[in-house]
Structure formats: C-alpha cells, structure tokens
Amino acid sequence: MSKIVQNRAAPHDPSNLSDTGTEQAQADFDESHASLWLDAETASPDTVDYSDERNFAHQGLLDRFRVQLPIAVLFAVLVQLIYGQVLLGVPLGESPARNAILTTLIANTISLLNYRQLRLFPGARRFAFLLPAFLPVYGISALLLLWLRLPYSLSLILVGFATCIGLAAVFNVFVRSAKRTPLLMIPSPKVTALLNELPRISHSMCVDPSVITRSKATVVADLHADLSPEWERAIAAAALNGSTIYHVKHLRESLTGRVRIDHLSENSVGTLKPNEFYFFFKSAIERLVSTIALIPALPIIAVAGLAIKLESPGGAIFRQTRVGFRGKQFTIYKLRTMVQASVSSGEREDAITKANDPRITRLGRFLRKTRIDELPQLWNVIRGDLSLIGPRPEAVPLSEWYYQQLDFYAYRHIIRPGITGWAQVNQGHVADPTAVGAKLQYDFYYIKNYSLWLDALIILKTVGVVFSGRGAR
C-alpha cells in the first residue's frame, strides 16, 4: 500500500498543526506523511510472537489436528470408562454414565475444533487460550443437560474435561518446544522487506536453487515476483518433494495480524464484501446482548455521570459525530472524560487525544482505563450505529483527513465500526499519524478474516486489555 516517494522527511506530530497553521507547515506535513506506509511496514510490531512461525501455517495446524483431535477425544473417553468402571463402579450402560460420556465426547470435539480455529490467528497460540476454548462449550452443554432434564454423572464429565484439556496442553508443549527449523528464504525485494520488518525470524537465505530441491524445510518466496526459470523449476521440485511453500505475504500476515492492500483489483482481502450471513447474524446477536447489558450498565452510567458533573462543569454525556458503516455519519455517546475547552485549537486538533492529554480529568483517566466511559455506546449498538466488535470509528475531521492522506482508507467502512476491535487489542489507541498505517492494516486483517472465531479472540483479548488498562489514554 506504499506510496512512491522521493523525499523521506521526518514525520511531523499533528499536534503541531492547527487549522490556522501556515501553508508551509501543512505542505511539509503532507510531504512527510507520504512516507507513512513505508514507516508502518518497516517498524516491527510489539505484538509479534516469533515462536508462532513454528505453527503459523493453516495447513500445518490442520495436519496436526487430524492426529491430535481423535487421540485427545478418544483418550478422554477411555479414561472415563476406566474411572467409571474401576473407581466408581458405575454401570456404564445406565443413563447418567452414558449421557456424561456422550456429552463429554461432543463437547471435547467442538472445544478442540474451536481451539484450532483460534490458533489460526496470531497471538492466540498460547496456553492462555485453551481454557476459553473449552469453557463456553461446556457451559452450553451443562445448560442443555439441565434444560432437557437428562440424568448425568458430574464426576465423569469433569474427568473427561480435565483429561482432554490436559492432553491438549501436552500437545501444545511439544509444538512450542519443538526445535525451530530455519525458514528457507528465496531472495527478492519483498523478502528483504519482511526481514527488515521482522528481523528475529529464524531463517536462512537460499542463494542456490538446488538447495531447496534437496531440503524439506519450509520455503518462503515472493510467488508474485518475476523469478528466473531456475527458481521456478526448483520451487516446483521442492513442492513435489514434500516441502511446504509459502508466499511471503502469508507469513507476514500470520505473524503480524496485519494485511497490506496494494490494489483493490487484486482482491487481496479475500472478498470485497464480507460474509452477509455472518454480518446479519452478528448484528442481531450484538443488539440482543447490548440490550441485556444496558440494564445493569445504567446504574453505573448514572453514578459515573453524577461524579463527572461534580468534578467539572459541563454535561455528563459526550457527543461526537463520527463516520460509520458505508461512510454514513452518526452521533456517538460516551461519558465525558475531558474538561470542556473554552478555546478551540481546530476541529482536527480537538479530535486527537494525545498521550497524557492535559484535558483529561482525574476521574476521566479512571473511566478511560476501565473503559467505563464506553458504556453509553451500548445504545449506539442497539440503534445499529456500532457493532460490539469492528474497526474503531473516527471523528469526522480525522476521517476526512485520513481519507485524503491514506490509500484505501474508505474501505474500512465496509463493515460496521465497533466499540473494540482487532487494531485496539493489538495496537491500542494511536494519534500519531505514523501509526495510522499499521492500524489500517490491522483493520484490513479483521475484514479479511471476518468470522465468529476472530470475534471470540478479540473478546478474550479485550478482557485482558480492560484488566491491564493497556492502550488507554
């Protein structure tokens, strides 16, 4: 998505600009802003887990789970049978034992498939996501057993649960502790750019085509580059020999969770229109959840609103026009966390929240850190302005500014914006324009992988962000 630039001046801080700034200052900023995409691409993101390169490949995960899933599920059933027959002396043909074993078999299978889907995304290949993958499935299973009033053995269910999740953890240990085989890199400009961006990748640069035909190591190449016939024949021979060949773009996306778009005509985000069924299903569920959540949230909003009015003059609710789905403007509602400035520095300047912004009140910092200030946005979700999960909507002045400066910026409006999103949990709040390029690439990754599992991962990460206070300003 890079713009071709001749002058790479140092980027300016937008806080130094105002609507009344000099034309020369604006010209200097516009010139330096053209290098934003290249800066964003070469900066190594803090969220990259380099050990993910052992299992970044979708096909690799599928191959492992074809073996791991039946072993874990059937071993859990075997342990249940031994435990029930030998230790408990429960007749396995009776309804409680039969229902418990069948429920556990189904729940473990779904949970492991759920865990596999989560592991396809960067940052979700750790032990921390094992329990969240299992608990919702077991919770639904327990509700079904209670609703249908079926007899069951709780101890057998717990044994099956513990056995399966324990074995999955053991498999994870072997994968994470496996010796890392260096990736064989075929030289090209994009491969060089990737290594500059992610310098800690375990790799070996392959300069002789014959090397990859003799090795079964994973090969990374720019498959869109104009490779010589020798390299093309070597790559084909390596594939026939059992080597795994990956396009450099796939490796970058899988490790960083970001997607570049060079040309929309390439359709590089999968489809230019996300899955309609999931879009409407997600909207219906989010409106229902927001309606239920707003009931207990109202007392919290009321107490916080009263405290806001006592601390500083002005209304408790902050209203701002932002750009949403398909570029339509809407009014967003938040609890006010800043003092009302008597003098404006310009619409765009006012819309930017800087680190340690002096306008933020003492109570406002607490509300932002705990995300309590976002609670009124549940009403926006009910109205259809927002989703719970999606690209964060920008204020109109900022959105118009980015639209003029950033290629394909408007494409992020193809889905509803959200209260939290993939960029928020990976990057946090950004105001410096040199970080907006990376933020937009996170948004494109979300659009490309728009699914229930990615939303579930974002919810899990959001919980961690709320408790840690990371990314708040």
Protein backbone atom coordinates (compact mmCIF):
# COMPACT_ATOMS: atom_id res chain seq x y z
CA MET A 1 0.00 0.00 0.00
CA SER A 2 3.05 2.19 -0.07
CA LYS A 3 3.09 5.42 -1.97
CA ILE A 4 6.15 6.03 -4.14
CA VAL A 5 8.05 8.88 -2.58
CA GLN A 6 11.30 10.64 -3.38
CA ASN A 7 11.64 12.65 -0.18
CA ARG A 8 11.55 10.87 3.18
CA ALA A 9 11.42 13.77 5.57
CA ALA A 10 10.81 13.06 9.23
CA PRO A 11 7.09 12.91 10.03
CA HIS A 12 5.61 15.78 11.95
CA ASP A 13 3.40 15.49 15.00
CA PRO A 14 -0.16 16.51 14.06
CA SER A 15 -0.44 18.27 17.39
CA ASN A 16 1.87 20.93 15.96
CA LEU A 17 -0.65 21.68 13.23
CA SER A 18 -3.89 23.56 13.51
CA ASP A 19 -6.49 24.78 11.08
CA THR A 20 -4.83 28.19 11.28
CA GLY A 21 -1.32 26.84 10.67
CA THR A 22 0.83 28.18 7.90
CA GLU A 23 0.59 26.77 4.40
CA GLN A 24 4.27 25.84 4.54
CA ALA A 25 3.78 23.79 7.71
CA GLN A 26 0.89 21.93 6.10
CA ALA A 27 2.93 21.34 2.93
CA ASP A 28 5.83 19.97 4.98
CA PHE A 29 3.47 17.63 6.81
CA ASP A 30 1.77 16.41 3.63
CA GLU A 31 5.16 15.64 2.08
CA SER A 32 6.39 13.73 5.11
CA HIS A 33 3.05 11.94 5.53
CA ALA A 34 3.55 10.25 2.15
CA SER A 35 6.16 8.03 3.81
CA LEU A 36 3.66 6.80 6.42
CA TRP A 37 3.05 3.40 4.84
CA LEU A 38 6.71 2.57 4.46
CA ASP A 39 7.35 3.58 8.08
CA ALA A 40 4.47 1.39 9.25
CA GLU A 41 5.71 -1.59 7.26
CA THR A 42 9.31 -1.46 8.42
CA ALA A 43 8.51 -0.99 12.10
CA SER A 44 8.43 -4.29 13.97
CA PRO A 45 5.16 -4.53 15.92
CA ASP A 46 5.43 -5.22 19.64
CA THR A 47 2.76 -7.91 19.45
CA VAL A 48 4.70 -10.29 17.19
CA ASP A 49 5.31 -13.70 18.77
CA TYR A 50 8.21 -15.09 16.77
CA SER A 51 7.67 -18.59 18.12
CA ASP A 52 4.44 -18.59 16.11
CA GLU A 53 6.49 -19.26 13.00
CA ARG A 54 6.62 -22.91 14.09
CA ASN A 55 2.89 -23.28 13.51
CA PHE A 56 1.78 -20.26 11.52
CA ALA A 57 0.70 -22.33 8.53
CA HIS A 58 -3.01 -23.10 8.28
CA GLN A 59 -2.29 -26.43 6.61
CA GLY A 60 0.23 -27.32 9.30
CA LEU A 61 -2.35 -26.80 12.01
CA LEU A 62 -4.90 -28.86 10.10
CA ASP A 63 -2.42 -31.72 9.69
CA ARG A 64 -1.60 -31.74 13.41
CA PHE A 65 -5.22 -31.66 14.48
CA ARG A 66 -6.13 -34.59 12.24
CA VAL A 67 -3.95 -36.63 14.59
CA GLN A 68 -4.27 -34.74 17.86
CA LEU A 69 -8.05 -34.36 17.95
CA PRO A 70 -9.06 -38.05 17.80
CA ILE A 71 -6.25 -39.03 20.18
CA ALA A 72 -7.33 -36.46 22.79
CA VAL A 73 -11.06 -37.17 22.45
CA LEU A 74 -10.79 -40.97 22.48
CA PHE A 75 -8.23 -40.99 25.28
CA ALA A 76 -10.62 -38.90 27.40
CA VAL A 77 -13.38 -41.45 26.76
CA LEU A 78 -11.01 -44.28 27.71
CA VAL A 79 -10.11 -42.57 30.99
CA GLN A 80 -13.82 -42.02 31.70
CA LEU A 81 -14.56 -45.70 31.11
CA ILE A 82 -11.75 -46.81 33.42
CA TYR A 83 -12.66 -44.25 36.07
CA GLY A 84 -16.37 -45.09 35.98
CA GLN A 85 -15.97 -48.87 35.92
CA VAL A 86 -12.99 -49.37 38.21
CA LEU A 87 -13.08 -46.50 40.71
CA LEU A 88 -16.77 -45.57 40.86
CA GLY A 89 -18.26 -48.91 39.96
CA VAL A 90 -20.93 -47.12 37.92
CA PRO A 91 -22.68 -49.33 35.33
CA LEU A 92 -21.67 -47.71 32.06
CA GLY A 93 -24.88 -48.78 30.36
CA GLU A 94 -27.04 -46.65 32.67
CA SER A 95 -28.28 -43.21 31.60
CA PRO A 96 -26.13 -40.98 33.90
CA ALA A 97 -22.84 -42.52 32.75
CA ARG A 98 -23.91 -42.82 29.10
CA ASN A 99 -25.12 -39.21 28.95
CA ALA A 100 -21.96 -37.94 30.66
CA ILE A 101 -19.62 -39.78 28.27
CA LEU A 102 -21.61 -38.76 25.17
CA THR A 103 -21.82 -35.12 26.30
CA THR A 104 -18.10 -35.00 27.03
CA LEU A 105 -17.26 -36.62 23.68
CA ILE A 106 -19.23 -33.98 21.77
CA ALA A 107 -18.04 -31.08 23.97
CA ASN A 108 -14.37 -32.09 23.68
CA THR A 109 -14.61 -32.40 19.90
CA ILE A 110 -16.22 -28.98 19.49
CA SER A 111 -13.81 -27.40 22.01
CA LEU A 112 -10.73 -28.71 20.21
CA LEU A 113 -12.09 -27.55 16.86
CA ASN A 114 -12.75 -24.17 18.47
CA TYR A 115 -9.20 -24.05 19.81
CA ARG A 116 -7.83 -24.94 16.38
CA GLN A 117 -9.73 -22.04 14.80
CA LEU A 118 -8.44 -19.62 17.45
CA ARG A 119 -4.86 -20.78 16.88
CA LEU A 120 -5.04 -19.76 13.22
CA PHE A 121 -4.77 -16.13 14.33
CA PRO A 122 -1.54 -14.53 15.58
CA GLY A 123 -1.23 -14.09 19.31
CA ALA A 124 -3.65 -16.95 20.06
CA ARG A 125 -1.28 -19.89 20.00
CA ARG A 126 -0.56 -19.99 23.71
CA PHE A 127 -1.86 -21.94 26.71
CA ALA A 128 -3.95 -18.96 27.77
CA PHE A 129 -6.50 -19.71 25.04
CA LEU A 130 -7.04 -23.36 25.92
CA LEU A 131 -9.46 -22.74 28.77
CA PRO A 132 -11.52 -20.07 26.93
CA ALA A 133 -11.91 -22.51 24.02
CA PHE A 134 -13.36 -25.20 26.31
CA LEU A 135 -15.42 -23.33 28.92
CA PRO A 136 -18.14 -21.82 26.66
CA VAL A 137 -18.78 -25.20 25.05
CA TYR A 138 -19.03 -26.95 28.40
CA GLY A 139 -21.24 -24.17 29.72
CA ILE A 140 -23.69 -24.62 26.84
CA SER A 141 -23.55 -28.41 27.31
CA ALA A 142 -24.42 -28.05 31.01
CA LEU A 143 -27.37 -25.77 30.19
CA LEU A 144 -28.68 -28.28 27.64
CA LEU A 145 -28.46 -31.14 30.15
CA LEU A 146 -30.36 -29.07 32.72
CA TRP A 147 -32.93 -27.84 30.20
CA LEU A 148 -33.62 -31.34 28.85
CA ARG A 149 -33.54 -32.72 32.42
CA LEU A 150 -31.25 -35.57 31.43
CA PRO A 151 -29.52 -37.58 34.18
CA TYR A 152 -25.72 -37.33 34.14
CA SER A 153 -22.63 -38.04 36.21
CA LEU A 154 -20.84 -34.80 37.09
CA SER A 155 -17.64 -36.59 38.12
CA LEU A 156 -17.41 -38.38 34.76
CA ILE A 157 -17.88 -35.09 32.91
CA LEU A 158 -15.15 -33.42 34.98
CA VAL A 159 -12.77 -36.33 34.37
CA GLY A 160 -13.38 -36.17 30.62
CA PHE A 161 -12.92 -32.41 30.60
CA ALA A 162 -9.69 -32.48 32.62
CA THR A 163 -8.21 -35.34 30.57
CA CYS A 164 -8.88 -33.72 27.20
CA ILE A 165 -7.71 -30.23 28.13
CA GLY A 166 -4.63 -31.72 29.84
CA LEU A 167 -3.70 -33.72 26.75
CA ALA A 168 -4.24 -30.68 24.54
CA ALA A 169 -1.85 -28.75 26.78
CA VAL A 170 0.73 -31.55 26.45
CA PHE A 171 0.43 -31.41 22.64
CA ASN A 172 0.90 -27.65 22.87
CA VAL A 173 4.09 -28.11 24.91
CA PHE A 174 5.58 -30.39 22.25
CA VAL A 175 4.70 -27.93 19.50
CA ARG A 176 6.03 -24.89 21.35
CA SER A 177 9.24 -26.62 22.48
CA ALA A 178 9.97 -28.23 19.12
CA LYS A 179 13.26 -27.28 17.55
CA ARG A 180 12.74 -24.36 15.24
CA THR A 181 13.82 -25.17 11.69
CA PRO A 182 15.05 -22.05 9.89
CA LEU A 183 12.79 -20.93 7.07
CA LEU A 184 14.45 -21.03 3.65
CA MET A 185 14.05 -17.59 2.10
CA ILE A 186 14.27 -17.10 -1.66
CA PRO A 187 15.82 -13.66 -2.30
CA SER A 188 13.50 -10.91 -3.55
CA PRO A 189 12.75 -7.30 -2.60
CA LYS A 190 9.63 -8.27 -0.61
CA VAL A 191 11.50 -10.99 1.28
CA THR A 192 14.18 -8.43 2.16
CA ALA A 193 11.49 -6.01 3.33
CA LEU A 194 9.95 -8.74 5.51
CA LEU A 195 13.29 -9.50 7.17
CA ASN A 196 13.83 -5.79 7.81
CA GLU A 197 10.42 -5.60 9.43
CA LEU A 198 10.72 -8.85 11.42
CA PRO A 199 14.46 -9.30 11.96
CA ARG A 200 14.15 -12.08 14.55
CA ILE A 201 12.62 -14.64 12.19
CA SER A 202 14.69 -17.82 12.21
CA HIS A 203 15.70 -18.08 8.57
CA SER A 204 18.37 -19.00 6.09
CA MET A 205 18.75 -17.11 2.82
CA CYS A 206 18.83 -19.53 -0.08
CA VAL A 207 21.07 -18.36 -2.92
CA ASP A 208 21.27 -21.62 -4.89
CA PRO A 209 18.06 -23.09 -6.39
CA SER A 210 19.39 -26.63 -5.93
CA VAL A 211 19.35 -26.21 -2.13
CA ILE A 212 15.56 -26.15 -1.83
CA THR A 213 15.20 -29.25 -4.00
CA ARG A 214 17.40 -31.23 -1.59
CA SER A 215 15.77 -29.94 1.60
CA LYS A 216 12.29 -30.44 3.06
CA ALA A 217 12.41 -27.21 5.04
CA THR A 218 9.61 -24.67 4.74
CA VAL A 219 10.28 -22.32 1.85
CA VAL A 220 9.17 -18.68 1.76
CA ALA A 221 9.15 -16.81 -1.54
CA ASP A 222 7.51 -13.91 -3.28
CA LEU A 223 5.39 -16.01 -5.64
CA HIS A 224 4.28 -12.86 -7.47
CA ALA A 225 7.83 -11.83 -8.30
CA ASP A 226 9.38 -12.34 -11.70
CA LEU A 227 11.52 -15.31 -10.71
CA SER A 228 14.00 -16.91 -13.07
CA PRO A 229 13.13 -20.25 -14.72
CA GLU A 230 15.73 -21.95 -12.47
CA TRP A 231 13.98 -20.75 -9.32
CA GLU A 232 10.53 -21.64 -10.65
CA ARG A 233 11.64 -25.18 -11.51
CA ALA A 234 13.33 -25.52 -8.10
CA ILE A 235 10.17 -24.39 -6.25
CA ALA A 236 8.04 -26.85 -8.22
CA ALA A 237 10.51 -29.66 -7.50
CA ALA A 238 10.59 -28.77 -3.79
CA ALA A 239 6.79 -28.92 -3.62
CA LEU A 240 6.80 -32.35 -5.29
CA ASN A 241 9.48 -33.43 -2.80
CA GLY A 242 7.20 -32.63 0.13
CA SER A 243 8.41 -29.15 1.08
CA THR A 244 5.86 -26.56 2.15
CA ILE A 245 5.95 -23.40 0.02
CA TYR A 246 4.52 -20.16 1.36
CA HIS A 247 4.04 -16.79 -0.19
CA VAL A 248 5.89 -14.07 1.74
CA LYS A 249 2.64 -12.16 2.20
CA HIS A 250 1.05 -15.10 4.04
CA LEU A 251 3.93 -15.31 6.51
CA ARG A 252 3.76 -11.59 7.23
CA GLU A 253 0.00 -11.64 7.81
CA SER A 254 0.16 -14.71 10.02
CA LEU A 255 2.85 -13.27 12.30
CA THR A 256 1.77 -9.62 12.46
CA GLY A 257 -2.03 -9.85 12.12
CA ARG A 258 -1.91 -7.09 9.52
CA VAL A 259 -2.89 -7.02 5.85
CA ARG A 260 -1.46 -4.75 3.20
CA ILE A 261 -3.52 -3.83 0.17
CA ASP A 262 -1.59 -2.77 -2.90
CA HIS A 263 -4.52 -2.67 -5.32
CA LEU A 264 -8.17 -3.34 -4.60
CA SER A 265 -8.38 -5.02 -8.01
CA GLU A 266 -6.17 -7.78 -6.61
CA ASN A 267 -8.94 -8.63 -4.16
CA SER A 268 -6.20 -9.33 -1.63
CA VAL A 269 -8.58 -9.23 1.33
CA GLY A 270 -10.47 -12.27 0.09
CA THR A 271 -13.79 -10.75 -0.93
CA LEU A 272 -14.56 -7.08 -1.17
CA LYS A 273 -17.82 -7.78 0.66
CA PRO A 274 -17.74 -9.70 3.97
CA ASN A 275 -19.98 -12.70 4.56
CA GLU A 276 -23.54 -11.36 4.58
CA PHE A 277 -25.00 -14.17 6.69
CA TYR A 278 -22.49 -13.61 9.48
CA PHE A 279 -22.89 -9.85 9.13
CA PHE A 280 -26.63 -10.01 9.88
CA PHE A 281 -26.28 -12.80 12.45
CA LYS A 282 -23.60 -10.82 14.30
CA SER A 283 -25.72 -7.65 14.23
CA ALA A 284 -28.78 -9.41 15.66
CA ILE A 285 -26.81 -11.09 18.46
CA GLU A 286 -24.94 -7.89 19.37
CA ARG A 287 -28.15 -5.88 19.59
CA LEU A 288 -29.68 -8.51 21.85
CA VAL A 289 -26.57 -8.69 24.05
CA SER A 290 -26.34 -4.88 24.23
CA THR A 291 -29.99 -4.57 25.23
CA ILE A 292 -29.46 -7.05 28.07
CA ALA A 293 -26.12 -5.48 29.11
CA LEU A 294 -27.53 -1.95 29.14
CA ILE A 295 -29.87 -2.79 32.04
CA PRO A 296 -27.09 -3.38 34.65
CA ALA A 297 -24.95 -0.69 32.96
CA LEU A 298 -27.49 2.10 33.53
CA PRO A 299 -26.83 2.44 37.30
CA ILE A 300 -23.07 2.55 36.63
CA ILE A 301 -23.59 5.22 33.96
CA ALA A 302 -25.81 7.23 36.33
CA VAL A 303 -23.30 7.15 39.21
CA ALA A 304 -20.38 7.97 36.91
CA GLY A 305 -22.39 10.78 35.28
CA LEU A 306 -23.12 12.35 38.66
CA ALA A 307 -19.44 12.16 39.63
CA ILE A 308 -18.46 13.79 36.31
CA LYS A 309 -20.79 16.74 36.88
CA LEU A 310 -19.49 17.21 40.43
CA GLU A 311 -15.86 17.18 39.30
CA SER A 312 -16.06 19.65 36.40
CA PRO A 313 -18.64 21.85 34.71
CA GLY A 314 -20.46 20.55 31.66
CA GLY A 315 -22.69 17.66 30.67
CA ALA A 316 -22.02 14.08 31.72
CA ILE A 317 -22.51 12.64 28.23
CA PHE A 318 -20.07 13.46 25.46
CA ARG A 319 -21.49 13.52 21.92
CA GLN A 320 -19.39 13.48 18.78
CA THR A 321 -20.12 12.94 15.09
CA ARG A 322 -18.18 10.03 13.65
CA VAL A 323 -18.01 8.15 10.37
CA GLY A 324 -19.57 4.71 10.38
CA PHE A 325 -20.90 1.95 8.15
CA ARG A 326 -20.63 2.79 4.43
CA GLY A 327 -19.31 6.25 5.29
CA LYS A 328 -22.52 7.43 6.96
CA GLN A 329 -22.14 9.84 9.87
CA PHE A 330 -23.67 9.17 13.28
CA THR A 331 -23.54 10.57 16.80
CA ILE A 332 -21.53 8.52 19.27
CA TYR A 333 -22.23 8.67 23.02
CA LYS A 334 -19.60 8.39 25.74
CA LEU A 335 -19.18 9.51 29.31
CA ARG A 336 -17.30 12.80 29.28
CA THR A 337 -13.69 12.38 30.42
CA MET A 338 -12.27 15.79 29.47
CA VAL A 339 -12.79 19.34 30.54
CA GLN A 340 -14.72 21.46 28.10
CA ALA A 341 -12.15 23.74 26.45
CA SER A 342 -13.09 27.39 26.19
CA VAL A 343 -10.78 27.92 23.20
CA SER A 344 -10.71 25.56 20.22
CA SER A 345 -7.46 24.62 18.51
CA GLY A 346 -9.31 23.50 15.39
CA GLU A 347 -11.63 20.59 14.69
CA ARG A 348 -8.90 18.13 13.77
CA GLU A 349 -6.66 19.15 16.65
CA ASP A 350 -9.54 18.85 19.13
CA ALA A 351 -10.38 15.37 17.85
CA ILE A 352 -6.90 13.98 18.60
CA THR A 353 -6.35 12.55 22.08
CA LYS A 354 -2.65 12.69 22.89
CA ALA A 355 -0.67 10.74 25.44
CA ASN A 356 -1.05 12.38 28.88
CA ASP A 357 -3.56 14.81 27.38
CA PRO A 358 -3.99 17.68 29.90
CA ARG A 359 -7.67 17.95 29.02
CA ILE A 360 -8.43 14.58 30.64
CA THR A 361 -9.79 14.90 34.18
CA ARG A 362 -8.65 12.78 37.10
CA LEU A 363 -11.92 10.86 37.08
CA GLY A 364 -11.70 10.69 33.30
CA ARG A 365 -8.42 8.79 33.46
CA PHE A 366 -10.05 6.16 35.65
CA LEU A 367 -13.06 5.91 33.35
CA ARG A 368 -10.83 5.53 30.30
CA LYS A 369 -8.56 2.96 31.95
CA THR A 370 -11.52 0.80 33.00
CA ARG A 371 -13.42 1.55 29.75
CA ILE A 372 -16.47 2.59 31.76
CA ASP A 373 -16.66 5.69 29.55
CA GLU A 374 -17.59 3.39 26.64
CA LEU A 375 -20.78 2.02 28.29
CA PRO A 376 -23.19 4.55 26.70
CA GLN A 377 -22.13 3.19 23.32
CA LEU A 378 -24.32 0.16 24.02
CA TRP A 379 -27.14 2.46 22.89
CA ASN A 380 -25.27 3.03 19.62
CA VAL A 381 -25.11 -0.75 19.15
CA ILE A 382 -28.85 -1.09 19.75
CA ARG A 383 -29.50 1.70 17.24
CA GLY A 384 -27.34 -0.05 14.63
CA ASP A 385 -24.65 2.66 14.51
CA LEU A 386 -21.98 0.44 16.02
CA SER A 387 -21.05 -3.20 16.48
CA LEU A 388 -19.51 -4.51 19.66
CA ILE A 389 -16.51 -5.56 17.54
CA GLY A 390 -15.17 -3.79 14.47
CA PRO A 391 -12.80 -1.04 13.30
CA ARG A 392 -12.93 1.93 15.67
CA PRO A 393 -14.89 4.87 14.16
CA GLU A 394 -13.01 8.13 13.75
CA ALA A 395 -14.28 11.67 14.25
CA VAL A 396 -15.35 13.34 11.01
CA PRO A 397 -12.37 15.78 10.80
CA LEU A 398 -9.86 12.95 11.32
CA SER A 399 -11.68 10.61 8.96
CA GLU A 400 -11.69 13.23 6.19
CA TRP A 401 -8.02 13.94 6.82
CA TYR A 402 -7.04 10.25 6.67
CA TYR A 403 -9.20 9.76 3.58
CA GLN A 404 -7.12 12.37 1.75
CA GLN A 405 -3.79 11.04 3.00
CA LEU A 406 -4.14 7.23 3.10
CA ASP A 407 -4.78 4.89 0.21
CA PHE A 408 -7.93 2.76 0.52
CA TYR A 409 -8.84 4.30 3.89
CA ALA A 410 -12.54 4.33 2.98
CA TYR A 411 -12.54 0.54 2.59
CA ARG A 412 -12.58 0.09 6.38
CA HIS A 413 -16.17 1.39 6.32
CA ILE A 414 -17.38 -1.73 4.50
CA ILE A 415 -18.42 -3.16 7.87
CA ARG A 416 -19.88 -1.52 10.96
CA PRO A 417 -17.34 0.11 13.29
CA GLY A 418 -17.03 -1.30 16.78
CA ILE A 419 -16.51 -0.46 20.43
CA THR A 420 -13.46 -2.74 20.41
CA GLY A 421 -11.56 -4.28 17.53
CA TRP A 422 -8.50 -6.11 16.24
CA ALA A 423 -6.45 -2.92 15.99
CA GLN A 424 -7.44 -1.83 19.51
CA VAL A 425 -6.38 -5.08 21.22
CA ASN A 426 -3.10 -5.30 19.28
CA GLN A 427 -2.07 -1.66 18.99
CA GLY A 428 -4.14 0.35 21.45
CA HIS A 429 -5.09 3.98 20.95
CA VAL A 430 -2.96 5.86 18.41
CA ALA A 431 -2.93 9.53 17.49
CA ASP A 432 0.44 9.86 15.77
CA PRO A 433 -0.24 9.62 12.02
CA THR A 434 2.83 7.43 11.52
CA ALA A 435 0.97 4.70 13.43
CA VAL A 436 -2.28 5.01 11.49
CA GLY A 437 -0.86 2.98 8.59
CA ALA A 438 -0.35 -0.05 10.86
CA LYS A 439 -3.78 0.50 12.41
CA LEU A 440 -5.42 0.41 9.00
CA GLN A 441 -3.58 -2.81 8.16
CA TYR A 442 -4.96 -4.38 11.35
CA ASP A 443 -8.45 -3.30 10.23
CA PHE A 444 -7.91 -4.92 6.84
CA TYR A 445 -6.82 -8.15 8.54
CA TYR A 446 -10.07 -8.14 10.51
CA ILE A 447 -12.13 -7.58 7.36
CA LYS A 448 -10.28 -10.36 5.54
CA ASN A 449 -10.77 -12.84 8.42
CA TYR A 450 -14.25 -11.62 9.42
CA SER A 451 -15.59 -14.57 11.44
CA LEU A 452 -17.04 -15.75 14.73
CA TRP A 453 -13.66 -17.11 15.86
CA LEU A 454 -11.78 -13.87 15.31
CA ASP A 455 -14.52 -12.00 17.17
CA ALA A 456 -14.22 -14.50 20.03
CA LEU A 457 -10.45 -13.94 20.13
CA ILE A 458 -10.95 -10.16 20.21
CA ILE A 459 -13.39 -10.51 23.13
CA LEU A 460 -10.83 -12.58 25.06
CA LYS A 461 -8.08 -10.06 24.34
CA THR A 462 -10.36 -7.16 25.23
CA VAL A 463 -10.94 -8.65 28.67
CA GLY A 464 -7.17 -8.74 29.17
CA VAL A 465 -6.83 -5.15 27.94
CA VAL A 466 -9.54 -3.93 30.33
CA PHE A 467 -7.92 -5.56 33.33
CA SER A 468 -4.45 -4.37 32.39
CA GLY A 469 -5.50 -0.88 31.32
CA ARG A 470 -3.19 -1.17 28.30
CA GLY A 471 -3.81 1.22 25.42
CA ALA A 472 -5.95 3.72 27.35
CA ARG A 473 -5.39 7.47 27.02
